[in-house]
Amino acid sequence: MAAAISIRCPCTPIPSSSPSRTPFLKPYNGLKPYLRRLPTISISLTTTKTTPSALKGKQPIVAMSMEAGIGVMGTKLGMMTYFEPGGKVVPVTVVGFREGNIVTQVKTEATDGYNAVQVGYRRVRDKKLTKPELGHLNKVGAIPMRHLQEFRLVSIDGFEPNQSLVLEDIFKEGDLVDVSGKSIGKGFQGGIKRHNFRRGLMTHGSKSHRALGSIGAGTTPGHVYKGKKMPGRMGGTKTKIRKLQVVKIDSELRVVMIKGAVPGKPGNLLRITPAKIVGENIPKN
């Protein structure tokens, strides 16, 4: 549908039939000879009715980071001491695996605008999930699972819905992995514990012991900069620890021993993926 609209330039003299609007031209009295030469501007507007089929080709913007490879989800069991064959003592975190790590959906660029594999973890009873969640899992014949997470990959070849991921095929002993999870919440904490600030003198007449101190100048800039390190809530956020080494994989006990500490307390959900090494397993751009 097209419509033609005639618009006169705001500087063009207004006809005498509108005496109430003549004061508008007072600043332009000296320009009247030139303003008369300005033509009327014609604008043609074309409106197009948007249909769902027209929006079908437009894909949403995806801000998810690219993974180096498919990963799995696990449960933190705790920490222990592991003795290597040479006698070296290594502190490790033991990660167990409940029933799950099943592919529930394969997303492609043609259907979703990006390549990703959705994985489910931790089997639960049917009544623990909503009807839409159960319908999503029943669509591919998967068991009811509590957690669903996506792994965005460069290529999704070899993945099918309702496919079980085998831990031994994904990780080997000695591999480097990235482990992410929710850190332990510590509540509202001060600057010393939250940001490792130093305290003031406790003697010699000092009046500042654990206080924060100056948070900015007065007149200039006259406000506190955003991101200023101050007391606040500490922990309880998603945290990733990169490039941890897989020390041992026990297939009988279904556990993995990872060198070092990982986020969260025992029973916390963990996301384990191959470590990102730019230029080797993920593109530079």
C-alpha atoms as a PDB file:
ATOM      1  CA  MET A   1       0.000   0.000   0.000  1.00  0.00           C
ATOM      2  CA  ALA A   2       1.444   3.375  -1.034  1.00  0.00           C
ATOM      3  CA  ALA A   3       0.465   6.887   0.078  1.00  0.00           C
ATOM      4  CA  ALA A   4       1.623  10.277  -1.219  1.00  0.00           C
ATOM      5  CA  ILE A   5       2.056  13.107   1.278  1.00  0.00           C
ATOM      6  CA  SER A   6       2.846  16.719   0.429  1.00  0.00           C
ATOM      7  CA  ILE A   7       4.916  18.552   3.014  1.00  0.00           C
ATOM      8  CA  ARG A   8       5.859  22.202   2.805  1.00  0.00           C
ATOM      9  CA  CYS A   9       9.220  23.199   4.201  1.00  0.00           C
ATOM     10  CA  PRO A  10       8.914  24.808   7.670  1.00  0.00           C
ATOM     11  CA  CYS A  11      10.693  27.884   6.341  1.00  0.00           C
ATOM     12  CA  THR A  12       8.221  28.435   3.480  1.00  0.00           C
ATOM     13  CA  PRO A  13       5.887  31.452   3.893  1.00  0.00           C
ATOM     14  CA  ILE A  14       2.496  30.501   5.274  1.00  0.00           C
ATOM     15  CA  PRO A  15      -0.530  31.618   3.239  1.00  0.00           C
ATOM     16  CA  SER A  16      -2.330  34.753   4.368  1.00  0.00           C
ATOM     17  CA  SER A  17      -5.438  32.705   5.059  1.00  0.00           C
ATOM     18  CA  SER A  18      -3.800  31.680   8.345  1.00  0.00           C
ATOM     19  CA  PRO A  19      -3.178  35.029  10.099  1.00  0.00           C
ATOM     20  CA  SER A  20      -2.818  33.354  13.462  1.00  0.00           C
ATOM     21  CA  ARG A  21       0.395  31.637  12.316  1.00  0.00           C
ATOM     22  CA  THR A  22       2.117  34.642  10.678  1.00  0.00           C
ATOM     23  CA  PRO A  23       4.354  35.361  13.735  1.00  0.00           C
ATOM     24  CA  PHE A  24       6.211  32.171  12.814  1.00  0.00           C
ATOM     25  CA  LEU A  25       7.764  34.033   9.846  1.00  0.00           C
ATOM     26  CA  LYS A  26       9.116  37.070  11.709  1.00  0.00           C
ATOM     27  CA  PRO A  27      12.701  35.755  11.962  1.00  0.00           C
ATOM     28  CA  TYR A  28      12.640  34.962   8.224  1.00  0.00           C
ATOM     29  CA  ASN A  29      11.323  38.261   6.781  1.00  0.00           C
ATOM     30  CA  GLY A  30      14.622  38.997   5.028  1.00  0.00           C
ATOM     31  CA  LEU A  31      14.586  35.575   3.397  1.00  0.00           C
ATOM     32  CA  LYS A  32      11.110  35.812   1.846  1.00  0.00           C
ATOM     33  CA  PRO A  33      12.364  36.235  -1.753  1.00  0.00           C
ATOM     34  CA  TYR A  34      14.403  33.053  -1.419  1.00  0.00           C
ATOM     35  CA  LEU A  35      11.822  31.076   0.512  1.00  0.00           C
ATOM     36  CA  ARG A  36       9.229  31.554  -2.238  1.00  0.00           C
ATOM     37  CA  ARG A  37      11.488  29.588  -4.562  1.00  0.00           C
ATOM     38  CA  LEU A  38      11.477  26.508  -2.320  1.00  0.00           C
ATOM     39  CA  PRO A  39       9.335  23.795  -3.859  1.00  0.00           C
ATOM     40  CA  THR A  40       6.875  21.606  -2.083  1.00  0.00           C
ATOM     41  CA  ILE A  41       8.427  18.329  -1.024  1.00  0.00           C
ATOM     42  CA  SER A  42       6.554  15.178  -1.946  1.00  0.00           C
ATOM     43  CA  ILE A  43       7.216  11.993   0.001  1.00  0.00           C
ATOM     44  CA  SER A  44       5.905   8.606  -0.981  1.00  0.00           C
ATOM     45  CA  LEU A  45       5.447   6.136   1.827  1.00  0.00           C
ATOM     46  CA  THR A  46       5.152   2.460   1.103  1.00  0.00           C
ATOM     47  CA  THR A  47       3.882   0.211   3.855  1.00  0.00           C
ATOM     48  CA  THR A  48       4.406  -3.517   3.777  1.00  0.00           C
ATOM     49  CA  LYS A  49       2.346  -5.873   5.855  1.00  0.00           C
ATOM     50  CA  THR A  50       4.677  -8.051   7.940  1.00  0.00           C
ATOM     51  CA  THR A  51       3.741 -11.692   8.077  1.00  0.00           C
ATOM     52  CA  PRO A  52       5.226 -14.494  10.181  1.00  0.00           C
ATOM     53  CA  SER A  53       6.647 -16.011   7.019  1.00  0.00           C
ATOM     54  CA  ALA A  54       8.589 -12.788   6.348  1.00  0.00           C
ATOM     55  CA  LEU A  55      10.224 -13.002   9.769  1.00  0.00           C
ATOM     56  CA  LYS A  56      11.021 -16.668   9.411  1.00  0.00           C
ATOM     57  CA  GLY A  57      14.367 -16.034   7.739  1.00  0.00           C
ATOM     58  CA  LYS A  58      15.520 -13.568  10.414  1.00  0.00           C
ATOM     59  CA  GLN A  59      17.342 -15.366  13.189  1.00  0.00           C
ATOM     60  CA  PRO A  60      17.821 -14.008  16.718  1.00  0.00           C
ATOM     61  CA  ILE A  61      21.185 -12.751  17.901  1.00  0.00           C
ATOM     62  CA  VAL A  62      23.013 -15.384  19.946  1.00  0.00           C
ATOM     63  CA  ALA A  63      25.445 -14.184  22.596  1.00  0.00           C
ATOM     64  CA  MET A  64      26.490 -17.633  23.795  1.00  0.00           C
ATOM     65  CA  SER A  65      30.216 -18.345  23.763  1.00  0.00           C
ATOM     66  CA  MET A  66      31.595 -21.127  21.588  1.00  0.00           C
ATOM     67  CA  GLU A  67      32.726 -24.282  23.375  1.00  0.00           C
ATOM     68  CA  ALA A  68      35.852 -26.217  22.471  1.00  0.00           C
ATOM     69  CA  GLY A  69      33.834 -29.430  22.402  1.00  0.00           C
ATOM     70  CA  ILE A  70      30.882 -31.240  23.889  1.00  0.00           C
ATOM     71  CA  GLY A  71      30.857 -31.383  27.669  1.00  0.00           C
ATOM     72  CA  VAL A  72      28.983 -33.096  30.471  1.00  0.00           C
ATOM     73  CA  MET A  73      27.328 -32.179  33.753  1.00  0.00           C
ATOM     74  CA  GLY A  74      28.295 -33.699  37.078  1.00  0.00           C
ATOM     75  CA  THR A  75      27.843 -33.414  40.834  1.00  0.00           C
ATOM     76  CA  LYS A  76      30.584 -32.297  43.191  1.00  0.00           C
ATOM     77  CA  LEU A  77      31.201 -34.952  45.849  1.00  0.00           C
ATOM     78  CA  GLY A  78      34.081 -33.372  47.780  1.00  0.00           C
ATOM     79  CA  MET A  79      37.867 -33.165  47.915  1.00  0.00           C
ATOM     80  CA  MET A  80      40.499 -35.754  48.809  1.00  0.00           C
ATOM     81  CA  THR A  81      44.193 -36.487  48.508  1.00  0.00           C
ATOM     82  CA  TYR A  82      45.393 -38.548  45.566  1.00  0.00           C
ATOM     83  CA  PHE A  83      48.796 -40.238  45.512  1.00  0.00           C
ATOM     84  CA  GLU A  84      50.369 -40.587  42.089  1.00  0.00           C
ATOM     85  CA  PRO A  85      52.390 -43.717  41.255  1.00  0.00           C
ATOM     86  CA  GLY A  86      55.601 -41.761  41.911  1.00  0.00           C
ATOM     87  CA  GLY A  87      54.432 -40.800  45.398  1.00  0.00           C
ATOM     88  CA  LYS A  88      53.472 -37.199  44.632  1.00  0.00           C
ATOM     89  CA  VAL A  89      50.518 -35.904  46.645  1.00  0.00           C
ATOM     90  CA  VAL A  90      47.848 -34.146  44.571  1.00  0.00           C
ATOM     91  CA  PRO A  91      44.735 -32.435  45.998  1.00  0.00           C
ATOM     92  CA  VAL A  92      41.788 -33.418  43.814  1.00  0.00           C
ATOM     93  CA  THR A  93      38.068 -32.775  43.619  1.00  0.00           C
ATOM     94  CA  VAL A  94      35.895 -35.848  43.115  1.00  0.00           C
ATOM     95  CA  VAL A  95      33.038 -35.340  40.648  1.00  0.00           C
ATOM     96  CA  GLY A  96      30.303 -37.957  40.405  1.00  0.00           C
ATOM     97  CA  PHE A  97      27.716 -38.515  37.708  1.00  0.00           C
ATOM     98  CA  ARG A  98      24.053 -39.346  38.195  1.00  0.00           C
ATOM     99  CA  GLU A  99      21.783 -40.784  35.543  1.00  0.00           C
ATOM    100  CA  GLY A 100      21.644 -38.423  32.601  1.00  0.00           C
ATOM    101  CA  ASN A 101      23.982 -36.604  30.208  1.00  0.00           C
ATOM    102  CA  ILE A 102      21.606 -37.423  27.366  1.00  0.00           C
ATOM    103  CA  VAL A 103      21.193 -35.321  24.239  1.00  0.00           C
ATOM    104  CA  THR A 104      17.699 -33.806  24.334  1.00  0.00           C
ATOM    105  CA  GLN A 105      17.895 -31.482  21.309  1.00  0.00           C
ATOM    106  CA  VAL A 106      20.223 -30.718  18.413  1.00  0.00           C
ATOM    107  CA  LYS A 107      20.048 -27.126  17.177  1.00  0.00           C
ATOM    108  CA  THR A 108      21.218 -26.179  13.694  1.00  0.00           C
ATOM    109  CA  GLU A 109      21.755 -22.930  11.838  1.00  0.00           C
ATOM    110  CA  ALA A 110      18.845 -23.734   9.556  1.00  0.00           C
ATOM    111  CA  THR A 111      16.312 -24.060  12.370  1.00  0.00           C
ATOM    112  CA  ASP A 112      17.728 -21.992  15.248  1.00  0.00           C
ATOM    113  CA  GLY A 113      20.425 -19.773  13.735  1.00  0.00           C
ATOM    114  CA  TYR A 114      23.344 -21.490  15.477  1.00  0.00           C
ATOM    115  CA  ASN A 115      24.779 -24.934  16.119  1.00  0.00           C
ATOM    116  CA  ALA A 116      24.344 -26.326  19.618  1.00  0.00           C
ATOM    117  CA  VAL A 117      23.652 -29.538  21.486  1.00  0.00           C
ATOM    118  CA  GLN A 118      21.264 -29.510  24.437  1.00  0.00           C
ATOM    119  CA  VAL A 119      22.072 -32.028  27.167  1.00  0.00           C
ATOM    120  CA  GLY A 120      19.936 -33.170  30.101  1.00  0.00           C
ATOM    121  CA  TYR A 121      21.164 -34.366  33.484  1.00  0.00           C
ATOM    122  CA  ARG A 122      19.875 -35.896  36.744  1.00  0.00           C
ATOM    123  CA  ARG A 123      16.783 -38.035  36.442  1.00  0.00           C
ATOM    124  CA  VAL A 124      13.760 -37.031  38.518  1.00  0.00           C
ATOM    125  CA  ARG A 125      10.155 -38.129  38.910  1.00  0.00           C
ATOM    126  CA  ASP A 126       7.601 -36.955  36.406  1.00  0.00           C
ATOM    127  CA  LYS A 127       5.721 -34.826  38.929  1.00  0.00           C
ATOM    128  CA  LYS A 128       8.872 -32.784  39.564  1.00  0.00           C
ATOM    129  CA  LEU A 129       8.653 -31.260  36.064  1.00  0.00           C
ATOM    130  CA  THR A 130       6.045 -29.112  34.384  1.00  0.00           C
ATOM    131  CA  LYS A 131       3.931 -30.264  31.456  1.00  0.00           C
ATOM    132  CA  PRO A 132       5.948 -28.220  28.900  1.00  0.00           C
ATOM    133  CA  GLU A 133       9.211 -29.653  30.251  1.00  0.00           C
ATOM    134  CA  LEU A 134       7.879 -33.199  30.069  1.00  0.00           C
ATOM    135  CA  GLY A 135       6.559 -32.616  26.566  1.00  0.00           C
ATOM    136  CA  HIS A 136       9.946 -31.344  25.426  1.00  0.00           C
ATOM    137  CA  LEU A 137      11.684 -34.472  26.727  1.00  0.00           C
ATOM    138  CA  ASN A 138       9.003 -36.907  25.579  1.00  0.00           C
ATOM    139  CA  LYS A 139       9.299 -35.512  22.076  1.00  0.00           C
ATOM    140  CA  VAL A 140      12.668 -37.262  21.679  1.00  0.00           C
ATOM    141  CA  GLY A 141      11.881 -40.158  24.009  1.00  0.00           C
ATOM    142  CA  ALA A 142      14.235 -39.007  26.788  1.00  0.00           C
ATOM    143  CA  ILE A 143      13.787 -39.685  30.488  1.00  0.00           C
ATOM    144  CA  PRO A 144      12.616 -36.811  32.747  1.00  0.00           C
ATOM    145  CA  MET A 145      15.676 -34.802  33.834  1.00  0.00           C
ATOM    146  CA  ARG A 146      16.107 -31.807  36.080  1.00  0.00           C
ATOM    147  CA  HIS A 147      18.846 -29.814  34.331  1.00  0.00           C
ATOM    148  CA  LEU A 148      19.090 -28.815  30.666  1.00  0.00           C
ATOM    149  CA  GLN A 149      22.120 -26.983  29.302  1.00  0.00           C
ATOM    150  CA  GLU A 150      23.375 -26.122  25.830  1.00  0.00           C
ATOM    151  CA  PHE A 151      26.844 -26.563  24.403  1.00  0.00           C
ATOM    152  CA  ARG A 152      27.400 -24.347  21.373  1.00  0.00           C
ATOM    153  CA  LEU A 153      29.741 -26.098  18.923  1.00  0.00           C
ATOM    154  CA  VAL A 154      31.361 -25.393  15.599  1.00  0.00           C
ATOM    155  CA  SER A 155      30.093 -28.700  14.205  1.00  0.00           C
ATOM    156  CA  ILE A 156      27.239 -30.888  15.454  1.00  0.00           C
ATOM    157  CA  ASP A 157      28.012 -33.905  13.275  1.00  0.00           C
ATOM    158  CA  GLY A 158      27.546 -37.203  15.083  1.00  0.00           C
ATOM    159  CA  PHE A 159      24.979 -36.047  17.641  1.00  0.00           C
ATOM    160  CA  GLU A 160      21.427 -37.357  17.669  1.00  0.00           C
ATOM    161  CA  PRO A 161      18.487 -36.834  20.045  1.00  0.00           C
ATOM    162  CA  ASN A 162      18.288 -39.273  22.971  1.00  0.00           C
ATOM    163  CA  GLN A 163      21.978 -40.129  22.575  1.00  0.00           C
ATOM    164  CA  SER A 164      23.879 -40.935  25.780  1.00  0.00           C
ATOM    165  CA  LEU A 165      27.240 -39.221  26.183  1.00  0.00           C
ATOM    166  CA  VAL A 166      30.029 -41.562  27.265  1.00  0.00           C
ATOM    167  CA  LEU A 167      32.490 -39.897  29.627  1.00  0.00           C
ATOM    168  CA  GLU A 168      35.467 -42.006  28.543  1.00  0.00           C
ATOM    169  CA  ASP A 169      34.967 -40.953  24.921  1.00  0.00           C
ATOM    170  CA  ILE A 170      34.979 -37.244  25.780  1.00  0.00           C
ATOM    171  CA  PHE A 171      37.783 -36.932  28.358  1.00  0.00           C
ATOM    172  CA  LYS A 172      41.043 -38.742  28.944  1.00  0.00           C
ATOM    173  CA  GLU A 173      43.409 -38.680  31.898  1.00  0.00           C
ATOM    174  CA  GLY A 174      45.701 -35.691  31.603  1.00  0.00           C
ATOM    175  CA  ASP A 175      43.258 -33.528  29.625  1.00  0.00           C
ATOM    176  CA  LEU A 176      42.621 -29.919  30.592  1.00  0.00           C
ATOM    177  CA  VAL A 177      39.032 -28.939  31.340  1.00  0.00           C
ATOM    178  CA  ASP A 178      37.024 -25.855  32.252  1.00  0.00           C
ATOM    179  CA  VAL A 179      34.731 -26.342  35.251  1.00  0.00           C
ATOM    180  CA  SER A 180      31.914 -23.893  35.977  1.00  0.00           C
ATOM    181  CA  GLY A 181      29.329 -23.845  38.720  1.00  0.00           C
ATOM    182  CA  LYS A 182      27.687 -21.693  41.359  1.00  0.00           C
ATOM    183  CA  SER A 183      30.146 -20.543  44.004  1.00  0.00           C
ATOM    184  CA  ILE A 184      29.444 -20.776  47.724  1.00  0.00           C
ATOM    185  CA  GLY A 185      27.384 -17.822  48.934  1.00  0.00           C
ATOM    186  CA  LYS A 186      28.996 -15.910  51.817  1.00  0.00           C
ATOM    187  CA  GLY A 187      26.404 -13.189  52.330  1.00  0.00           C
ATOM    188  CA  PHE A 188      27.169  -9.486  52.814  1.00  0.00           C
ATOM    189  CA  GLN A 189      30.902  -9.013  53.382  1.00  0.00           C
ATOM    190  CA  GLY A 190      33.231  -6.086  53.831  1.00  0.00           C
ATOM    191  CA  GLY A 191      36.014  -4.874  51.596  1.00  0.00           C
ATOM    192  CA  ILE A 192      38.751  -6.818  53.370  1.00  0.00           C
ATOM    193  CA  LYS A 193      37.189 -10.233  52.827  1.00  0.00           C
ATOM    194  CA  ARG A 194      35.462  -9.466  49.535  1.00  0.00           C
ATOM    195  CA  HIS A 195      38.302  -7.634  47.728  1.00  0.00           C
ATOM    196  CA  ASN A 196      41.387  -8.447  49.859  1.00  0.00           C
ATOM    197  CA  PHE A 197      41.800  -4.859  51.080  1.00  0.00           C
ATOM    198  CA  ARG A 198      44.350  -4.129  53.820  1.00  0.00           C
ATOM    199  CA  ARG A 199      43.169  -2.870  57.179  1.00  0.00           C
ATOM    200  CA  GLY A 200      44.421   0.207  58.945  1.00  0.00           C
ATOM    201  CA  LEU A 201      46.542   0.408  62.069  1.00  0.00           C
ATOM    202  CA  MET A 202      44.956  -1.044  65.177  1.00  0.00           C
ATOM    203  CA  THR A 203      47.062   1.162  67.512  1.00  0.00           C
ATOM    204  CA  HIS A 204      48.852   4.537  67.616  1.00  0.00           C
ATOM    205  CA  GLY A 205      45.583   6.441  67.664  1.00  0.00           C
ATOM    206  CA  SER A 206      44.283   5.217  64.318  1.00  0.00           C
ATOM    207  CA  LYS A 207      40.536   5.681  63.848  1.00  0.00           C
ATOM    208  CA  SER A 208      40.373   3.572  60.665  1.00  0.00           C
ATOM    209  CA  HIS A 209      40.668  -0.151  61.199  1.00  0.00           C
ATOM    210  CA  ARG A 210      38.511  -2.111  58.749  1.00  0.00           C
ATOM    211  CA  ALA A 211      36.623   0.776  57.188  1.00  0.00           C
ATOM    212  CA  LEU A 212      36.597   1.173  53.407  1.00  0.00           C
ATOM    213  CA  GLY A 213      38.157   4.650  53.292  1.00  0.00           C
ATOM    214  CA  SER A 214      37.799   7.157  50.482  1.00  0.00           C
ATOM    215  CA  ILE A 215      35.519   6.183  47.611  1.00  0.00           C
ATOM    216  CA  GLY A 216      36.216   9.192  45.359  1.00  0.00           C
ATOM    217  CA  ALA A 217      36.858  12.914  45.134  1.00  0.00           C
ATOM    218  CA  GLY A 218      34.283  15.513  46.189  1.00  0.00           C
ATOM    219  CA  THR A 219      33.842  18.308  43.659  1.00  0.00           C
ATOM    220  CA  THR A 220      35.365  16.520  40.691  1.00  0.00           C
ATOM    221  CA  PRO A 221      33.855  14.166  39.596  1.00  0.00           C
ATOM    222  CA  GLY A 222      31.300  14.591  42.367  1.00  0.00           C
ATOM    223  CA  HIS A 223      30.072  11.007  42.253  1.00  0.00           C
ATOM    224  CA  VAL A 224      31.290   7.460  42.815  1.00  0.00           C
ATOM    225  CA  TYR A 225      32.499   5.687  39.694  1.00  0.00           C
ATOM    226  CA  LYS A 226      30.606   2.598  38.600  1.00  0.00           C
ATOM    227  CA  GLY A 227      32.324  -0.642  39.472  1.00  0.00           C
ATOM    228  CA  LYS A 228      33.954   0.753  42.608  1.00  0.00           C
ATOM    229  CA  LYS A 229      35.052  -2.082  44.883  1.00  0.00           C
ATOM    230  CA  MET A 230      32.920  -1.764  47.987  1.00  0.00           C
ATOM    231  CA  PRO A 231      31.272  -4.016  50.577  1.00  0.00           C
ATOM    232  CA  GLY A 232      28.432  -6.118  49.223  1.00  0.00           C
ATOM    233  CA  ARG A 233      27.116  -9.601  48.661  1.00  0.00           C
ATOM    234  CA  MET A 234      29.888 -12.111  48.081  1.00  0.00           C
ATOM    235  CA  GLY A 235      29.650 -15.450  46.303  1.00  0.00           C
ATOM    236  CA  GLY A 236      26.564 -17.242  45.070  1.00  0.00           C
ATOM    237  CA  THR A 237      27.332 -16.463  41.419  1.00  0.00           C
ATOM    238  CA  LYS A 238      28.346 -18.506  38.398  1.00  0.00           C
ATOM    239  CA  THR A 239      32.095 -19.056  38.416  1.00  0.00           C
ATOM    240  CA  LYS A 240      34.393 -20.783  35.945  1.00  0.00           C
ATOM    241  CA  ILE A 241      37.836 -22.167  36.723  1.00  0.00           C
ATOM    242  CA  ARG A 242      39.842 -22.802  33.590  1.00  0.00           C
ATOM    243  CA  LYS A 243      42.464 -25.341  32.579  1.00  0.00           C
ATOM    244  CA  LEU A 244      42.185 -27.872  35.393  1.00  0.00           C
ATOM    245  CA  GLN A 245      43.788 -31.242  34.814  1.00  0.00           C
ATOM    246  CA  VAL A 246      41.912 -34.541  34.832  1.00  0.00           C
ATOM    247  CA  VAL A 247      43.953 -36.752  37.162  1.00  0.00           C
ATOM    248  CA  LYS A 248      41.948 -39.993  37.076  1.00  0.00           C
ATOM    249  CA  ILE A 249      38.767 -41.423  35.576  1.00  0.00           C
ATOM    250  CA  ASP A 250      37.159 -44.328  37.437  1.00  0.00           C
ATOM    251  CA  SER A 251      34.602 -46.052  35.218  1.00  0.00           C
ATOM    252  CA  GLU A 252      33.419 -48.473  37.930  1.00  0.00           C
ATOM    253  CA  LEU A 253      32.613 -45.778  40.475  1.00  0.00           C
ATOM    254  CA  ARG A 254      31.557 -43.299  37.748  1.00  0.00           C
ATOM    255  CA  VAL A 255      33.713 -40.522  39.163  1.00  0.00           C
ATOM    256  CA  VAL A 256      36.344 -38.153  37.806  1.00  0.00           C
ATOM    257  CA  MET A 257      39.174 -36.693  39.863  1.00  0.00           C
ATOM    258  CA  ILE A 258      40.122 -33.148  38.866  1.00  0.00           C
ATOM    259  CA  LYS A 259      43.234 -31.453  40.220  1.00  0.00           C
ATOM    260  CA  GLY A 260      42.470 -28.449  42.400  1.00  0.00           C
ATOM    261  CA  ALA A 261      39.276 -26.880  43.676  1.00  0.00           C
ATOM    262  CA  VAL A 262      36.061 -26.275  41.760  1.00  0.00           C
ATOM    263  CA  PRO A 263      33.177 -23.886  42.552  1.00  0.00           C
ATOM    264  CA  GLY A 264      30.474 -24.734  45.047  1.00  0.00           C
ATOM    265  CA  LYS A 265      29.953 -27.079  47.956  1.00  0.00           C
ATOM    266  CA  PRO A 266      29.406 -30.870  47.847  1.00  0.00           C
ATOM    267  CA  GLY A 267      26.239 -31.654  45.908  1.00  0.00           C
ATOM    268  CA  ASN A 268      26.672 -28.648  43.602  1.00  0.00           C
ATOM    269  CA  LEU A 269      25.947 -28.948  39.873  1.00  0.00           C
ATOM    270  CA  LEU A 270      29.069 -28.634  37.706  1.00  0.00           C
ATOM    271  CA  ARG A 271      29.527 -28.094  33.978  1.00  0.00           C
ATOM    272  CA  ILE A 272      32.698 -29.702  32.606  1.00  0.00           C
ATOM    273  CA  THR A 273      33.919 -28.836  29.113  1.00  0.00           C
ATOM    274  CA  PRO A 274      37.228 -29.180  27.263  1.00  0.00           C
ATOM    275  CA  ALA A 275      39.519 -26.268  28.056  1.00  0.00           C
ATOM    276  CA  LYS A 276      39.433 -23.465  25.523  1.00  0.00           C
ATOM    277  CA  ILE A 277      42.779 -22.870  23.818  1.00  0.00           C
ATOM    278  CA  VAL A 278      42.498 -20.113  21.244  1.00  0.00           C
ATOM    279  CA  GLY A 279      43.938 -21.114  17.889  1.00  0.00           C
ATOM    280  CA  GLU A 280      43.949 -24.838  18.701  1.00  0.00           C
ATOM    281  CA  ASN A 281      40.421 -26.011  19.494  1.00  0.00           C
ATOM    282  CA  ILE A 282      38.467 -22.751  18.986  1.00  0.00           C
ATOM    283  CA  PRO A 283      38.878 -20.128  16.243  1.00  0.00           C
ATOM    284  CA  LYS A 284      40.728 -16.900  17.036  1.00  0.00           C
ATOM    285  CA  ASN A 285      37.789 -14.720  16.007  1.00  0.00           C
END
